[in-house]
Each structure stands twice: as C-alpha cells, then as structure tokens.
Amino acid sequence: MNKTSRMLRLGAAAAAAAACLALWGAEPPSAHAGWVDRVRDVFQVPGEVDKLKEQYNEMKSGYDATVEQLEETRRRAEEAQKLTEEYRKTQEQLITDNAALAEQNRQLAATLEELKDSEEARARSAARVKSLIWTAVLLVGGYFGISRVARYVMRARVRR
C-alpha cells in the first residue's frame, strides 16, 4: 500500500466520524433515524456490557454465598447424622445394659428369696432344737423332782 491511499482512507474515516458527530446532536431525517439509532446502540454497548458485568458479578457473589450456605447446611446435616448415629448406638448399648441389669436383678431377687427361705428354715431348726433342749431340761428336772418327792414319801412311810 502506498502512502496516498492510506491518507485517503484516513481522511474518509475522519469525514465519516465528523458526520456521525454532527448527526449525533442534530435531529436525523426520518429515513436515517433507524441507522442513527443503530449507531447509538453500538456506542452504548460498552455501557451495557459494564452493567451486564456488574449484574454478573452480583449474581456470582449471590451464587457463591448460596453455595457457601449450602455447604454449611450440608456440613451441619452430616454432623447431625453422625450425632444421630452416635445417639442410636448409645441407646442400643443402654438397652442391652438395661436387659443385662434386669436379668441380674431377677437373679438377685431369686437369691434373696432363697436366702429368706434358708433363714426361715434355720430359724425353725433353731426353735426346734431350743424346744428339744427345754423339753430335755424339764424332763431331767421333773425326774429329779419326782425322785425327791418319792424319796421323801418313802422315808416318811418308813418312819411311821
């Protein structure tokens, strides 16, 4: 490309830009109104892109906050599930312990009943032995008492 053609193109672009600037502020004719609106729309695109970027950033930050909340909720749900599992295991252990203690309590009650029966049998046996001893003592005492009375009576008869 040579220098003159380059200059011509640059001049044409400058003239077009000047015409656009002149038309920008002036009331366009009705035939050119759509074209001017399109040119205005093209120049307004960067502002709209910035608005879209801001909206995107707001939406992204809202999305990130929602994701963080979701992660926190998921973490809490996992902790709650772990606690529930621990409570369930603890409850099962307590139920097992309770059953074992109930069985032990039943065995202790049976042992206590046997001990009561044994104590009652021992008391009855002791009472029987006691009554036998008293009976023997009374019989021996009666024998000696009767023998004394019999001797006294016999002596009294012999003296008379």
N, C-alpha and C. Protein backbone atom coordinates (compact mmCIF):
# COMPACT_ATOMS: atom_id res chain seq x y z
N MET A 1 0.83 -1.17 0.00
CA MET A 1 0.00 0.00 0.00
C MET A 1 0.87 1.23 0.00
N ASN A 2 0.38 2.15 -0.77
CA ASN A 2 1.18 3.36 -0.81
C ASN A 2 0.64 4.40 0.15
N LYS A 3 1.36 5.47 0.22
CA LYS A 3 1.06 6.49 1.20
C LYS A 3 -0.19 7.27 0.88
N THR A 4 -0.49 7.52 -0.34
CA THR A 4 -1.65 8.31 -0.71
C THR A 4 -2.94 7.55 -0.45
N SER A 5 -2.98 6.28 -0.73
CA SER A 5 -4.22 5.54 -0.49
C SER A 5 -4.48 5.43 1.01
N ARG A 6 -3.43 5.37 1.73
CA ARG A 6 -3.58 5.33 3.17
C ARG A 6 -4.16 6.64 3.68
N MET A 7 -3.71 7.72 3.16
CA MET A 7 -4.18 9.06 3.55
C MET A 7 -5.63 9.23 3.15
N LEU A 8 -6.00 8.71 1.99
CA LEU A 8 -7.38 8.84 1.55
C LEU A 8 -8.31 8.06 2.49
N ARG A 9 -7.94 6.91 2.84
CA ARG A 9 -8.76 6.11 3.75
C ARG A 9 -8.88 6.78 5.12
N LEU A 10 -7.79 7.32 5.59
CA LEU A 10 -7.79 8.00 6.87
C LEU A 10 -8.68 9.23 6.82
N GLY A 11 -8.65 9.93 5.74
CA GLY A 11 -9.49 11.12 5.55
C GLY A 11 -10.95 10.74 5.47
N ALA A 12 -11.27 9.64 4.78
CA ALA A 12 -12.66 9.18 4.66
C ALA A 12 -13.19 8.76 6.03
N ALA A 13 -12.37 8.11 6.81
CA ALA A 13 -12.79 7.70 8.15
C ALA A 13 -13.03 8.91 9.03
N ALA A 14 -12.18 9.93 8.88
CA ALA A 14 -12.34 11.15 9.69
C ALA A 14 -13.61 11.87 9.27
N ALA A 15 -13.91 11.90 7.98
CA ALA A 15 -15.12 12.55 7.50
C ALA A 15 -16.35 11.81 7.99
N ALA A 16 -16.30 10.50 8.00
CA ALA A 16 -17.42 9.71 8.47
C ALA A 16 -17.62 9.95 9.96
N ALA A 17 -16.54 10.04 10.70
CA ALA A 17 -16.64 10.29 12.14
C ALA A 17 -17.21 11.67 12.40
N ALA A 18 -16.78 12.65 11.60
CA ALA A 18 -17.29 14.01 11.76
C ALA A 18 -18.76 14.05 11.42
N ALA A 19 -19.17 13.33 10.38
CA ALA A 19 -20.58 13.30 10.00
C ALA A 19 -21.39 12.64 11.11
N CYS A 20 -20.86 11.60 11.69
CA CYS A 20 -21.57 10.91 12.78
C CYS A 20 -21.73 11.85 13.96
N LEU A 21 -20.66 12.59 14.26
CA LEU A 21 -20.74 13.51 15.40
C LEU A 21 -21.74 14.64 15.11
N ALA A 22 -21.77 15.10 13.90
CA ALA A 22 -22.70 16.16 13.53
C ALA A 22 -24.12 15.64 13.58
N LEU A 23 -24.31 14.41 13.14
CA LEU A 23 -25.65 13.83 13.15
C LEU A 23 -26.09 13.44 14.56
N TRP A 24 -25.16 13.23 15.38
CA TRP A 24 -25.46 12.78 16.75
C TRP A 24 -26.30 13.80 17.49
N GLY A 25 -25.95 15.02 17.43
CA GLY A 25 -26.67 16.06 18.13
C GLY A 25 -27.86 16.58 17.34
N ALA A 26 -27.87 16.46 16.03
CA ALA A 26 -28.95 17.02 15.22
C ALA A 26 -30.08 16.03 15.10
N GLU A 27 -31.23 16.53 14.77
CA GLU A 27 -32.42 15.69 14.55
C GLU A 27 -32.23 14.99 13.22
N PRO A 28 -32.17 13.67 13.23
CA PRO A 28 -31.93 12.96 11.97
C PRO A 28 -33.20 12.95 11.11
N PRO A 29 -33.02 12.91 9.82
CA PRO A 29 -34.20 12.77 8.97
C PRO A 29 -34.81 11.39 9.20
N SER A 30 -36.07 11.28 8.87
CA SER A 30 -36.81 10.06 9.18
C SER A 30 -36.21 8.83 8.50
N ALA A 31 -35.63 8.96 7.35
CA ALA A 31 -35.07 7.82 6.65
C ALA A 31 -33.80 7.32 7.33
N HIS A 32 -33.09 8.24 7.97
CA HIS A 32 -31.84 7.88 8.60
C HIS A 32 -31.98 7.64 10.10
N ALA A 33 -33.19 7.73 10.63
CA ALA A 33 -33.39 7.60 12.09
C ALA A 33 -33.01 6.20 12.57
N GLY A 34 -33.37 5.17 11.86
CA GLY A 34 -33.03 3.81 12.26
C GLY A 34 -31.53 3.58 12.25
N TRP A 35 -30.86 4.15 11.26
CA TRP A 35 -29.42 4.00 11.15
C TRP A 35 -28.71 4.71 12.30
N VAL A 36 -29.20 5.85 12.62
CA VAL A 36 -28.59 6.62 13.71
C VAL A 36 -28.83 5.89 15.04
N ASP A 37 -30.03 5.35 15.19
CA ASP A 37 -30.31 4.59 16.42
C ASP A 37 -29.38 3.38 16.54
N ARG A 38 -29.11 2.75 15.41
CA ARG A 38 -28.20 1.61 15.43
C ARG A 38 -26.79 2.05 15.80
N VAL A 39 -26.39 3.18 15.29
CA VAL A 39 -25.05 3.70 15.62
C VAL A 39 -25.00 4.04 17.11
N ARG A 40 -26.06 4.68 17.61
CA ARG A 40 -26.11 5.00 19.05
C ARG A 40 -26.06 3.71 19.88
N ASP A 41 -26.81 2.69 19.43
CA ASP A 41 -26.80 1.42 20.15
C ASP A 41 -25.40 0.82 20.20
N VAL A 42 -24.66 0.95 19.07
CA VAL A 42 -23.30 0.42 19.02
C VAL A 42 -22.43 1.15 20.02
N PHE A 43 -22.59 2.47 20.13
CA PHE A 43 -21.77 3.24 21.06
C PHE A 43 -22.22 3.02 22.52
N GLN A 44 -23.45 2.59 22.72
CA GLN A 44 -23.93 2.33 24.08
C GLN A 44 -23.63 0.91 24.55
N VAL A 45 -23.17 0.05 23.67
CA VAL A 45 -22.87 -1.34 24.02
C VAL A 45 -21.84 -1.44 25.15
N PRO A 46 -20.76 -0.69 25.15
CA PRO A 46 -19.80 -0.82 26.26
C PRO A 46 -20.45 -0.52 27.63
N GLY A 47 -21.32 0.47 27.70
CA GLY A 47 -22.01 0.77 28.96
C GLY A 47 -22.91 -0.38 29.39
N GLU A 48 -23.59 -0.97 28.40
CA GLU A 48 -24.46 -2.10 28.72
C GLU A 48 -23.62 -3.32 29.12
N VAL A 49 -22.47 -3.48 28.49
CA VAL A 49 -21.58 -4.58 28.86
C VAL A 49 -21.12 -4.40 30.30
N ASP A 50 -20.81 -3.15 30.67
CA ASP A 50 -20.41 -2.90 32.06
C ASP A 50 -21.55 -3.23 33.02
N LYS A 51 -22.78 -2.85 32.66
CA LYS A 51 -23.93 -3.17 33.50
C LYS A 51 -24.11 -4.68 33.62
N LEU A 52 -23.95 -5.36 32.47
CA LEU A 52 -24.06 -6.82 32.49
C LEU A 52 -22.96 -7.44 33.35
N LYS A 53 -21.73 -6.87 33.28
CA LYS A 53 -20.65 -7.37 34.13
C LYS A 53 -20.99 -7.18 35.60
N GLU A 54 -21.54 -6.01 35.94
CA GLU A 54 -21.92 -5.75 37.34
C GLU A 54 -23.01 -6.75 37.78
N GLN A 55 -24.01 -6.93 36.90
CA GLN A 55 -25.06 -7.88 37.24
C GLN A 55 -24.49 -9.30 37.38
N TYR A 56 -23.57 -9.63 36.49
CA TYR A 56 -22.94 -10.94 36.56
C TYR A 56 -22.18 -11.10 37.87
N ASN A 57 -21.42 -10.07 38.24
CA ASN A 57 -20.65 -10.13 39.48
C ASN A 57 -21.58 -10.24 40.69
N GLU A 58 -22.69 -9.48 40.67
CA GLU A 58 -23.67 -9.57 41.77
C GLU A 58 -24.27 -10.98 41.83
N MET A 59 -24.65 -11.49 40.67
CA MET A 59 -25.22 -12.83 40.62
C MET A 59 -24.19 -13.87 41.08
N LYS A 60 -22.93 -13.69 40.65
CA LYS A 60 -21.88 -14.64 41.04
C LYS A 60 -21.65 -14.58 42.54
N SER A 61 -21.62 -13.37 43.12
CA SER A 61 -21.42 -13.29 44.57
C SER A 61 -22.62 -13.88 45.30
N GLY A 62 -23.82 -13.65 44.79
CA GLY A 62 -25.01 -14.27 45.39
C GLY A 62 -24.95 -15.79 45.27
N TYR A 63 -24.51 -16.26 44.12
CA TYR A 63 -24.37 -17.71 43.91
C TYR A 63 -23.32 -18.29 44.86
N ASP A 64 -22.18 -17.59 44.97
CA ASP A 64 -21.13 -18.06 45.88
C ASP A 64 -21.63 -18.10 47.32
N ALA A 65 -22.39 -17.07 47.73
CA ALA A 65 -22.94 -17.06 49.10
C ALA A 65 -23.92 -18.22 49.28
N THR A 66 -24.72 -18.48 48.27
CA THR A 66 -25.67 -19.60 48.35
C THR A 66 -24.93 -20.93 48.42
N VAL A 67 -23.86 -21.06 47.64
CA VAL A 67 -23.06 -22.29 47.68
C VAL A 67 -22.43 -22.46 49.06
N GLU A 68 -21.92 -21.36 49.64
CA GLU A 68 -21.34 -21.44 50.99
C GLU A 68 -22.40 -21.85 52.01
N GLN A 69 -23.59 -21.26 51.90
CA GLN A 69 -24.68 -21.63 52.81
C GLN A 69 -25.05 -23.10 52.63
N LEU A 70 -25.09 -23.53 51.38
CA LEU A 70 -25.41 -24.93 51.09
C LEU A 70 -24.36 -25.86 51.67
N GLU A 71 -23.09 -25.49 51.54
CA GLU A 71 -22.00 -26.30 52.10
C GLU A 71 -22.10 -26.34 53.63
N GLU A 72 -22.39 -25.19 54.24
CA GLU A 72 -22.56 -25.13 55.70
C GLU A 72 -23.74 -26.00 56.13
N THR A 73 -24.83 -25.92 55.39
CA THR A 73 -26.01 -26.75 55.71
C THR A 73 -25.69 -28.22 55.54
N ARG A 74 -24.96 -28.58 54.50
CA ARG A 74 -24.57 -29.96 54.27
C ARG A 74 -23.66 -30.45 55.40
N ARG A 75 -22.71 -29.60 55.82
CA ARG A 75 -21.80 -29.97 56.90
C ARG A 75 -22.59 -30.18 58.20
N ARG A 76 -23.52 -29.28 58.48
CA ARG A 76 -24.34 -29.43 59.68
C ARG A 76 -25.20 -30.69 59.61
N ALA A 77 -25.72 -30.98 58.42
CA ALA A 77 -26.54 -32.19 58.26
C ALA A 77 -25.68 -33.43 58.50
N GLU A 78 -24.45 -33.43 58.00
CA GLU A 78 -23.56 -34.56 58.24
C GLU A 78 -23.25 -34.71 59.73
N GLU A 79 -23.00 -33.57 60.40
CA GLU A 79 -22.74 -33.61 61.85
C GLU A 79 -23.97 -34.14 62.59
N ALA A 80 -25.14 -33.66 62.18
CA ALA A 80 -26.37 -34.12 62.82
C ALA A 80 -26.56 -35.62 62.59
N GLN A 81 -26.23 -36.08 61.39
CA GLN A 81 -26.36 -37.51 61.09
C GLN A 81 -25.38 -38.32 61.94
N LYS A 82 -24.16 -37.81 62.10
CA LYS A 82 -23.18 -38.50 62.94
C LYS A 82 -23.66 -38.56 64.39
N LEU A 83 -24.18 -37.42 64.87
CA LEU A 83 -24.69 -37.39 66.25
C LEU A 83 -25.86 -38.35 66.41
N THR A 84 -26.73 -38.39 65.42
CA THR A 84 -27.87 -39.29 65.47
C THR A 84 -27.40 -40.74 65.52
N GLU A 85 -26.39 -41.06 64.73
CA GLU A 85 -25.84 -42.42 64.72
C GLU A 85 -25.21 -42.74 66.08
N GLU A 86 -24.49 -41.77 66.65
CA GLU A 86 -23.89 -41.99 67.97
C GLU A 86 -24.97 -42.19 69.03
N TYR A 87 -26.02 -41.37 68.97
CA TYR A 87 -27.12 -41.50 69.93
C TYR A 87 -27.82 -42.85 69.76
N ARG A 88 -27.97 -43.30 68.53
CA ARG A 88 -28.60 -44.59 68.29
C ARG A 88 -27.75 -45.71 68.88
N LYS A 89 -26.44 -45.65 68.65
CA LYS A 89 -25.55 -46.67 69.21
C LYS A 89 -25.59 -46.64 70.74
N THR A 90 -25.58 -45.43 71.30
CA THR A 90 -25.66 -45.29 72.75
C THR A 90 -26.96 -45.86 73.28
N GLN A 91 -28.05 -45.59 72.58
CA GLN A 91 -29.35 -46.10 73.01
C GLN A 91 -29.37 -47.62 72.94
N GLU A 92 -28.82 -48.19 71.87
CA GLU A 92 -28.76 -49.66 71.76
C GLU A 92 -27.93 -50.25 72.90
N GLN A 93 -26.79 -49.59 73.21
CA GLN A 93 -25.95 -50.06 74.31
C GLN A 93 -26.70 -49.97 75.64
N LEU A 94 -27.42 -48.88 75.84
CA LEU A 94 -28.18 -48.72 77.07
C LEU A 94 -29.30 -49.77 77.17
N ILE A 95 -29.94 -50.07 76.06
CA ILE A 95 -30.99 -51.09 76.06
C ILE A 95 -30.38 -52.45 76.42
N THR A 96 -29.21 -52.76 75.84
CA THR A 96 -28.53 -54.02 76.14
C THR A 96 -28.13 -54.07 77.62
N ASP A 97 -27.55 -52.96 78.11
CA ASP A 97 -27.17 -52.90 79.52
C ASP A 97 -28.40 -53.03 80.42
N ASN A 98 -29.49 -52.41 80.04
CA ASN A 98 -30.71 -52.48 80.83
C ASN A 98 -31.23 -53.92 80.89
N ALA A 99 -31.18 -54.62 79.78
CA ALA A 99 -31.62 -56.02 79.77
C ALA A 99 -30.72 -56.87 80.66
N ALA A 100 -29.40 -56.63 80.60
CA ALA A 100 -28.47 -57.38 81.44
C ALA A 100 -28.72 -57.08 82.92
N LEU A 101 -28.96 -55.81 83.22
CA LEU A 101 -29.23 -55.44 84.62
C LEU A 101 -30.55 -56.02 85.10
N ALA A 102 -31.54 -56.07 84.22
CA ALA A 102 -32.82 -56.67 84.60
C ALA A 102 -32.63 -58.16 84.91
N GLU A 103 -31.84 -58.85 84.09
CA GLU A 103 -31.56 -60.26 84.35
C GLU A 103 -30.80 -60.43 85.66
N GLN A 104 -29.82 -59.57 85.89
CA GLN A 104 -29.06 -59.61 87.13
C GLN A 104 -29.98 -59.33 88.33
N ASN A 105 -30.88 -58.38 88.17
CA ASN A 105 -31.85 -58.06 89.23
C ASN A 105 -32.75 -59.26 89.51
N ARG A 106 -33.18 -59.95 88.47
CA ARG A 106 -34.01 -61.14 88.65
C ARG A 106 -33.23 -62.22 89.41
N GLN A 107 -31.97 -62.42 89.04
CA GLN A 107 -31.14 -63.41 89.73
C GLN A 107 -30.93 -63.03 91.20
N LEU A 108 -30.70 -61.75 91.45
CA LEU A 108 -30.52 -61.30 92.83
C LEU A 108 -31.80 -61.49 93.64
N ALA A 109 -32.94 -61.21 93.02
CA ALA A 109 -34.22 -61.41 93.71
C ALA A 109 -34.41 -62.89 94.04
N ALA A 110 -34.05 -63.78 93.10
CA ALA A 110 -34.17 -65.23 93.35
C ALA A 110 -33.23 -65.65 94.48
N THR A 111 -31.99 -65.12 94.46
CA THR A 111 -31.03 -65.43 95.51
C THR A 111 -31.53 -64.92 96.86
N LEU A 112 -32.09 -63.72 96.87
CA LEU A 112 -32.63 -63.16 98.10
C LEU A 112 -33.78 -64.02 98.63
N GLU A 113 -34.62 -64.49 97.75
CA GLU A 113 -35.73 -65.36 98.16
C GLU A 113 -35.20 -66.66 98.74
N GLU A 114 -34.16 -67.23 98.10
CA GLU A 114 -33.56 -68.44 98.63
C GLU A 114 -32.94 -68.19 100.00
N LEU A 115 -32.29 -67.04 100.16
CA LEU A 115 -31.70 -66.70 101.46
C LEU A 115 -32.78 -66.54 102.53
N LYS A 116 -33.90 -65.93 102.18
CA LYS A 116 -35.00 -65.78 103.13
C LYS A 116 -35.53 -67.15 103.54
N ASP A 117 -35.73 -68.02 102.54
CA ASP A 117 -36.21 -69.38 102.83
C ASP A 117 -35.21 -70.12 103.71
N SER A 118 -33.93 -69.96 103.41
CA SER A 118 -32.88 -70.62 104.20
C SER A 118 -32.87 -70.08 105.63
N GLU A 119 -33.02 -68.77 105.76
CA GLU A 119 -33.05 -68.15 107.09
C GLU A 119 -34.26 -68.63 107.88
N GLU A 120 -35.40 -68.73 107.23
CA GLU A 120 -36.61 -69.22 107.90
C GLU A 120 -36.42 -70.68 108.32
N ALA A 121 -35.81 -71.50 107.47
CA ALA A 121 -35.57 -72.91 107.80
C ALA A 121 -34.60 -73.00 108.98
N ARG A 122 -33.57 -72.17 108.96
CA ARG A 122 -32.61 -72.16 110.06
C ARG A 122 -33.28 -71.75 111.36
N ALA A 123 -34.15 -70.71 111.28
CA ALA A 123 -34.86 -70.26 112.47
C ALA A 123 -35.78 -71.37 113.00
N ARG A 124 -36.47 -72.05 112.11
CA ARG A 124 -37.34 -73.16 112.53
C ARG A 124 -36.52 -74.27 113.18
N SER A 125 -35.36 -74.57 112.57
CA SER A 125 -34.50 -75.61 113.10
C SER A 125 -33.98 -75.20 114.48
N ALA A 126 -33.59 -73.94 114.61
CA ALA A 126 -33.09 -73.45 115.91
C ALA A 126 -34.21 -73.51 116.95
N ALA A 127 -35.42 -73.14 116.56
CA ALA A 127 -36.55 -73.19 117.50
C ALA A 127 -36.83 -74.63 117.92
N ARG A 128 -36.74 -75.57 117.00
CA ARG A 128 -36.96 -76.98 117.31
C ARG A 128 -35.90 -77.49 118.28
N VAL A 129 -34.62 -77.13 118.02
CA VAL A 129 -33.53 -77.55 118.90
C VAL A 129 -33.73 -76.93 120.29
N LYS A 130 -34.13 -75.68 120.33
CA LYS A 130 -34.36 -74.98 121.59
C LYS A 130 -35.48 -75.67 122.38
N SER A 131 -36.55 -75.99 121.68
CA SER A 131 -37.65 -76.65 122.38
C SER A 131 -37.25 -78.04 122.85
N LEU A 132 -36.42 -78.77 122.06
CA LEU A 132 -35.91 -80.08 122.49
C LEU A 132 -35.05 -79.95 123.74
N ILE A 133 -34.19 -78.94 123.75
CA ILE A 133 -33.33 -78.73 124.92
C ILE A 133 -34.18 -78.42 126.15
N TRP A 134 -35.18 -77.53 125.98
CA TRP A 134 -36.04 -77.20 127.12
C TRP A 134 -36.84 -78.43 127.57
N THR A 135 -37.27 -79.18 126.64
CA THR A 135 -38.01 -80.40 127.00
C THR A 135 -37.11 -81.35 127.78
N ALA A 136 -35.87 -81.53 127.30
CA ALA A 136 -34.92 -82.41 127.98
C ALA A 136 -34.61 -81.88 129.38
N VAL A 137 -34.41 -80.54 129.49
CA VAL A 137 -34.12 -79.95 130.79
C VAL A 137 -35.31 -80.16 131.73
N LEU A 138 -36.51 -79.95 131.24
CA LEU A 138 -37.70 -80.11 132.06
C LEU A 138 -37.89 -81.58 132.46
N LEU A 139 -37.63 -82.49 131.52
CA LEU A 139 -37.74 -83.91 131.84
C LEU A 139 -36.72 -84.31 132.92
N VAL A 140 -35.50 -83.85 132.76
CA VAL A 140 -34.47 -84.16 133.75
C VAL A 140 -34.85 -83.53 135.08
N GLY A 141 -35.29 -82.27 135.02
CA GLY A 141 -35.70 -81.58 136.26
C GLY A 141 -36.90 -82.27 136.88
N GLY A 142 -37.85 -82.68 136.07
CA GLY A 142 -39.02 -83.41 136.57
C GLY A 142 -38.62 -84.73 137.19
N TYR A 143 -37.68 -85.43 136.51
CA TYR A 143 -37.22 -86.72 137.05
C TYR A 143 -36.61 -86.52 138.43
N PHE A 144 -35.73 -85.50 138.55
CA PHE A 144 -35.10 -85.26 139.84
C PHE A 144 -36.14 -84.81 140.86
N GLY A 145 -37.09 -84.00 140.40
CA GLY A 145 -38.15 -83.52 141.32
C GLY A 145 -39.02 -84.67 141.79
N ILE A 146 -39.43 -85.53 140.91
CA ILE A 146 -40.29 -86.65 141.26
C ILE A 146 -39.50 -87.64 142.14
N SER A 147 -38.22 -87.86 141.79
CA SER A 147 -37.44 -88.78 142.61
C SER A 147 -37.26 -88.22 144.01
N ARG A 148 -37.13 -86.95 144.20
CA ARG A 148 -37.01 -86.35 145.51
C ARG A 148 -38.31 -86.51 146.28
N VAL A 149 -39.40 -86.25 145.61
CA VAL A 149 -40.71 -86.38 146.27
C VAL A 149 -40.91 -87.85 146.64
N ALA A 150 -40.56 -88.77 145.75
CA ALA A 150 -40.73 -90.20 146.03
C ALA A 150 -39.86 -90.60 147.23
N ARG A 151 -38.66 -90.16 147.35
CA ARG A 151 -37.78 -90.46 148.47
C ARG A 151 -38.38 -89.90 149.76
N TYR A 152 -38.87 -88.69 149.66
CA TYR A 152 -39.46 -88.08 150.86
C TYR A 152 -40.66 -88.88 151.33
N VAL A 153 -41.47 -89.26 150.39
CA VAL A 153 -42.67 -90.04 150.73
C VAL A 153 -42.22 -91.39 151.30
N MET A 154 -41.30 -92.06 150.72
CA MET A 154 -40.84 -93.35 151.20
C MET A 154 -40.20 -93.22 152.58
N ARG A 155 -39.47 -92.24 152.85
CA ARG A 155 -38.88 -92.04 154.15
C ARG A 155 -39.94 -91.76 155.18
N ALA A 156 -40.91 -90.98 154.75
CA ALA A 156 -41.99 -90.67 155.69
C ALA A 156 -42.75 -91.94 156.02
N ARG A 157 -42.97 -92.84 155.15
CA ARG A 157 -43.68 -94.09 155.39
C ARG A 157 -42.80 -95.02 156.25
N VAL A 158 -41.57 -95.03 156.02
CA VAL A 158 -40.67 -95.91 156.76
C VAL A 158 -40.59 -95.39 158.22
N ARG A 159 -40.69 -94.19 158.49
CA ARG A 159 -40.57 -93.64 159.81
C ARG A 159 -41.86 -93.86 160.57
N ARG A 160 -42.83 -94.02 160.01
CA ARG A 160 -44.08 -94.17 160.72
C ARG A 160 -44.31 -95.50 161.14
